[in-house]
Structures are given as C-alpha cells and as structure tokens.
N, C-alpha and C. Protein backbone atom coordinates (compact mmCIF):
# COMPACT_ATOMS: atom_id res chain seq x y z
N MET A 1 -250.91 -125.78 -92.98
CA MET A 1 -250.11 -126.73 -93.70
C MET A 1 -249.42 -126.01 -94.86
N THR A 2 -248.13 -126.25 -95.01
CA THR A 2 -247.35 -125.62 -96.07
C THR A 2 -247.06 -126.64 -97.16
N GLU A 3 -247.22 -126.21 -98.40
CA GLU A 3 -246.95 -127.07 -99.54
C GLU A 3 -245.87 -126.45 -100.42
N THR A 4 -245.03 -127.30 -100.99
CA THR A 4 -243.96 -126.85 -101.86
C THR A 4 -244.38 -126.96 -103.31
N VAL A 5 -244.19 -125.90 -104.07
CA VAL A 5 -244.42 -125.92 -105.51
C VAL A 5 -243.06 -126.17 -106.16
N GLN A 6 -242.98 -127.21 -106.99
CA GLN A 6 -241.72 -127.61 -107.60
C GLN A 6 -241.74 -127.36 -109.10
N ALA A 7 -240.54 -127.29 -109.67
CA ALA A 7 -240.40 -127.12 -111.12
C ALA A 7 -240.82 -128.41 -111.82
N ASP A 8 -241.63 -128.28 -112.87
CA ASP A 8 -242.06 -129.42 -113.66
C ASP A 8 -241.08 -129.79 -114.76
N LEU A 9 -240.06 -128.95 -114.95
CA LEU A 9 -239.06 -129.19 -115.99
C LEU A 9 -237.83 -128.35 -115.70
N SER A 10 -236.74 -128.64 -116.38
CA SER A 10 -235.54 -127.82 -116.28
C SER A 10 -235.77 -126.58 -117.14
N ALA A 11 -235.53 -125.41 -116.56
CA ALA A 11 -235.84 -124.16 -117.25
C ALA A 11 -235.14 -123.01 -116.56
N ASN A 12 -235.40 -121.80 -117.05
CA ASN A 12 -234.94 -120.57 -116.41
C ASN A 12 -236.14 -119.85 -115.83
N VAL A 13 -235.96 -119.21 -114.68
CA VAL A 13 -237.02 -118.41 -114.08
C VAL A 13 -237.04 -117.08 -114.82
N TRP A 14 -238.08 -116.86 -115.60
CA TRP A 14 -238.17 -115.65 -116.40
C TRP A 14 -238.79 -114.51 -115.60
N LYS A 15 -239.87 -114.78 -114.88
CA LYS A 15 -240.58 -113.72 -114.15
C LYS A 15 -241.26 -114.31 -112.92
N ILE A 16 -241.08 -113.66 -111.77
CA ILE A 16 -241.78 -114.03 -110.54
C ILE A 16 -242.93 -113.04 -110.38
N LEU A 17 -244.15 -113.57 -110.27
CA LEU A 17 -245.34 -112.73 -110.27
C LEU A 17 -245.92 -112.50 -108.88
N VAL A 18 -245.35 -113.12 -107.85
CA VAL A 18 -245.86 -112.99 -106.48
C VAL A 18 -244.71 -112.64 -105.54
N ALA A 19 -245.08 -112.21 -104.34
CA ALA A 19 -244.10 -111.91 -103.30
C ALA A 19 -244.55 -112.62 -102.02
N VAL A 20 -243.63 -112.76 -101.08
CA VAL A 20 -243.97 -113.37 -99.80
C VAL A 20 -245.10 -112.55 -99.16
N GLY A 21 -246.12 -113.27 -98.68
CA GLY A 21 -247.28 -112.63 -98.07
C GLY A 21 -248.46 -112.43 -99.00
N ASP A 22 -248.23 -112.60 -100.31
CA ASP A 22 -249.32 -112.43 -101.27
C ASP A 22 -250.32 -113.57 -101.17
N PRO A 23 -251.62 -113.26 -101.30
CA PRO A 23 -252.62 -114.33 -101.38
C PRO A 23 -252.54 -114.99 -102.75
N VAL A 24 -252.88 -116.28 -102.79
CA VAL A 24 -252.87 -117.04 -104.03
C VAL A 24 -254.30 -117.47 -104.34
N VAL A 25 -254.74 -117.19 -105.55
CA VAL A 25 -256.04 -117.60 -106.04
C VAL A 25 -255.84 -118.91 -106.82
N PRO A 26 -256.76 -119.88 -106.71
CA PRO A 26 -256.58 -121.12 -107.46
C PRO A 26 -256.33 -120.88 -108.95
N ASP A 27 -255.35 -121.60 -109.48
CA ASP A 27 -254.98 -121.56 -110.91
C ASP A 27 -254.43 -120.22 -111.38
N GLU A 28 -253.99 -119.39 -110.45
CA GLU A 28 -253.35 -118.11 -110.79
C GLU A 28 -251.86 -118.36 -111.07
N PRO A 29 -251.30 -117.79 -112.15
CA PRO A 29 -249.86 -117.94 -112.39
C PRO A 29 -249.04 -117.30 -111.26
N LEU A 30 -248.05 -118.05 -110.77
CA LEU A 30 -247.19 -117.57 -109.69
C LEU A 30 -245.85 -117.09 -110.22
N MET A 31 -245.37 -117.75 -111.25
CA MET A 31 -244.14 -117.34 -111.93
C MET A 31 -244.16 -117.92 -113.33
N ILE A 32 -243.26 -117.42 -114.17
CA ILE A 32 -243.15 -117.88 -115.54
C ILE A 32 -241.75 -118.47 -115.72
N LEU A 33 -241.71 -119.71 -116.18
CA LEU A 33 -240.44 -120.34 -116.53
C LEU A 33 -240.26 -120.24 -118.03
N GLU A 34 -239.03 -120.26 -118.49
CA GLU A 34 -238.74 -120.20 -119.92
C GLU A 34 -237.84 -121.39 -120.26
N SER A 35 -238.26 -122.13 -121.28
CA SER A 35 -237.47 -123.26 -121.75
C SER A 35 -237.63 -123.36 -123.26
N MET A 36 -236.52 -123.37 -123.96
CA MET A 36 -236.53 -123.49 -125.42
C MET A 36 -237.43 -122.42 -126.06
N LYS A 37 -237.33 -121.20 -125.53
CA LYS A 37 -238.07 -120.03 -126.02
C LYS A 37 -239.58 -120.13 -125.82
N MET A 38 -240.00 -121.05 -124.94
CA MET A 38 -241.42 -121.17 -124.59
C MET A 38 -241.62 -120.69 -123.16
N GLU A 39 -242.70 -119.96 -122.92
CA GLU A 39 -243.03 -119.49 -121.58
C GLU A 39 -244.00 -120.49 -120.94
N ILE A 40 -243.64 -120.98 -119.75
CA ILE A 40 -244.44 -121.98 -119.06
C ILE A 40 -244.88 -121.40 -117.72
N PRO A 41 -246.19 -121.17 -117.52
CA PRO A 41 -246.64 -120.62 -116.24
C PRO A 41 -246.59 -121.69 -115.15
N VAL A 42 -246.23 -121.26 -113.95
CA VAL A 42 -246.27 -122.13 -112.76
C VAL A 42 -247.52 -121.73 -112.01
N ILE A 43 -248.43 -122.69 -111.81
CA ILE A 43 -249.68 -122.40 -111.12
C ILE A 43 -249.84 -123.31 -109.91
N TYR A 44 -250.73 -122.92 -109.01
CA TYR A 44 -251.08 -123.71 -107.83
C TYR A 44 -252.59 -123.86 -107.85
N SER A 45 -253.08 -125.06 -107.62
CA SER A 45 -254.50 -125.33 -107.84
C SER A 45 -255.43 -124.95 -106.69
N ASP A 46 -254.88 -124.51 -105.56
CA ASP A 46 -255.70 -124.16 -104.40
C ASP A 46 -255.44 -122.73 -103.96
N ALA A 47 -256.25 -122.24 -103.03
CA ALA A 47 -256.03 -120.93 -102.43
C ALA A 47 -255.00 -121.05 -101.32
N GLY A 48 -254.29 -119.97 -101.05
CA GLY A 48 -253.30 -119.97 -99.99
C GLY A 48 -252.57 -118.65 -99.93
N THR A 49 -251.42 -118.67 -99.25
CA THR A 49 -250.59 -117.49 -99.10
C THR A 49 -249.14 -117.88 -99.35
N VAL A 50 -248.40 -117.07 -100.11
CA VAL A 50 -246.99 -117.33 -100.37
C VAL A 50 -246.21 -117.09 -99.08
N VAL A 51 -245.47 -118.10 -98.62
CA VAL A 51 -244.68 -117.95 -97.39
C VAL A 51 -243.18 -117.93 -97.65
N ALA A 52 -242.73 -118.42 -98.81
CA ALA A 52 -241.30 -118.38 -99.14
C ALA A 52 -241.13 -118.54 -100.65
N ILE A 53 -240.13 -117.86 -101.18
CA ILE A 53 -239.74 -118.00 -102.58
C ILE A 53 -238.28 -118.46 -102.57
N HIS A 54 -237.99 -119.59 -103.23
CA HIS A 54 -236.67 -120.20 -103.16
C HIS A 54 -235.77 -119.90 -104.35
N VAL A 55 -236.26 -119.16 -105.33
CA VAL A 55 -235.47 -118.87 -106.54
C VAL A 55 -235.55 -117.38 -106.85
N ASP A 56 -234.63 -116.93 -107.69
CA ASP A 56 -234.61 -115.55 -108.15
C ASP A 56 -234.87 -115.52 -109.65
N GLU A 57 -235.35 -114.39 -110.15
CA GLU A 57 -235.49 -114.23 -111.59
C GLU A 57 -234.13 -114.42 -112.25
N GLY A 58 -234.11 -115.12 -113.36
CA GLY A 58 -232.87 -115.38 -114.09
C GLY A 58 -232.18 -116.67 -113.68
N ALA A 59 -232.61 -117.28 -112.60
CA ALA A 59 -231.99 -118.51 -112.12
C ALA A 59 -232.37 -119.70 -113.00
N SER A 60 -231.48 -120.66 -113.10
CA SER A 60 -231.78 -121.93 -113.76
C SER A 60 -232.31 -122.88 -112.71
N VAL A 61 -233.36 -123.63 -113.05
CA VAL A 61 -233.93 -124.60 -112.12
C VAL A 61 -233.98 -125.96 -112.79
N ASN A 62 -233.95 -127.00 -111.97
CA ASN A 62 -234.00 -128.37 -112.46
C ASN A 62 -235.35 -128.99 -112.12
N LEU A 63 -235.68 -130.04 -112.84
CA LEU A 63 -236.90 -130.79 -112.59
C LEU A 63 -236.99 -131.18 -111.12
N GLY A 64 -238.12 -130.85 -110.48
CA GLY A 64 -238.34 -131.20 -109.08
C GLY A 64 -237.77 -130.22 -108.06
N GLN A 65 -237.07 -129.21 -108.52
CA GLN A 65 -236.49 -128.22 -107.60
C GLN A 65 -237.59 -127.38 -106.97
N PRO A 66 -237.53 -127.16 -105.65
CA PRO A 66 -238.52 -126.30 -104.99
C PRO A 66 -238.44 -124.86 -105.51
N LEU A 67 -239.60 -124.31 -105.86
CA LEU A 67 -239.68 -122.93 -106.34
C LEU A 67 -240.21 -122.00 -105.26
N LEU A 68 -241.29 -122.42 -104.60
CA LEU A 68 -241.87 -121.60 -103.54
C LEU A 68 -242.72 -122.45 -102.61
N GLU A 69 -243.03 -121.86 -101.44
CA GLU A 69 -243.85 -122.52 -100.43
C GLU A 69 -245.15 -121.74 -100.31
N ILE A 70 -246.25 -122.48 -100.20
CA ILE A 70 -247.56 -121.87 -100.03
C ILE A 70 -248.24 -122.47 -98.81
N SER A 71 -248.76 -121.60 -97.97
CA SER A 71 -249.56 -122.03 -96.83
C SER A 71 -250.98 -122.19 -97.34
N ALA A 72 -251.45 -123.44 -97.40
CA ALA A 72 -252.79 -123.72 -97.93
C ALA A 72 -253.86 -123.25 -96.94
N GLN A 73 -254.99 -122.81 -97.49
CA GLN A 73 -256.10 -122.33 -96.64
C GLN A 73 -257.20 -123.34 -96.58
C-alpha cells in the first residue's frame, strides 16, 4: 500500500533528506520545509520505503500538495 505525504503548510522545500528506494524509519525527518525563516521537518509516522518524490529542493509548495509517496510496510 502506498501513502502520500502532503505539505502541512505553504512553504519552500529547503532540503530533501531521502531518495527513492530509501527505507523510512518511524518519525524520521524526510525533508525540511522553510516558512517565515522557520525550518519545519516533514516526518512519516510509520516504517516504509520512499517510492516517489514529487518536489525539488527550492520549490514552493502549497498546503495539501503531495511531497512524496511511501510504500508502507
């Protein structure tokens, strides 16, 4: 089963910390968003594997926009 991780706010993608194929540990930061000079980590609460990344570093994202897909284990 694949799950989509979405943006919780409008922000800029500051840093992507994972790549397609990487394993995901529960509550591990996957990327860092930046909004109003604050760094906001994007986390996933379960274990899985990154199967797709929908944004690039430096991109602007909107609330609810898909950031990445994770295949849950």
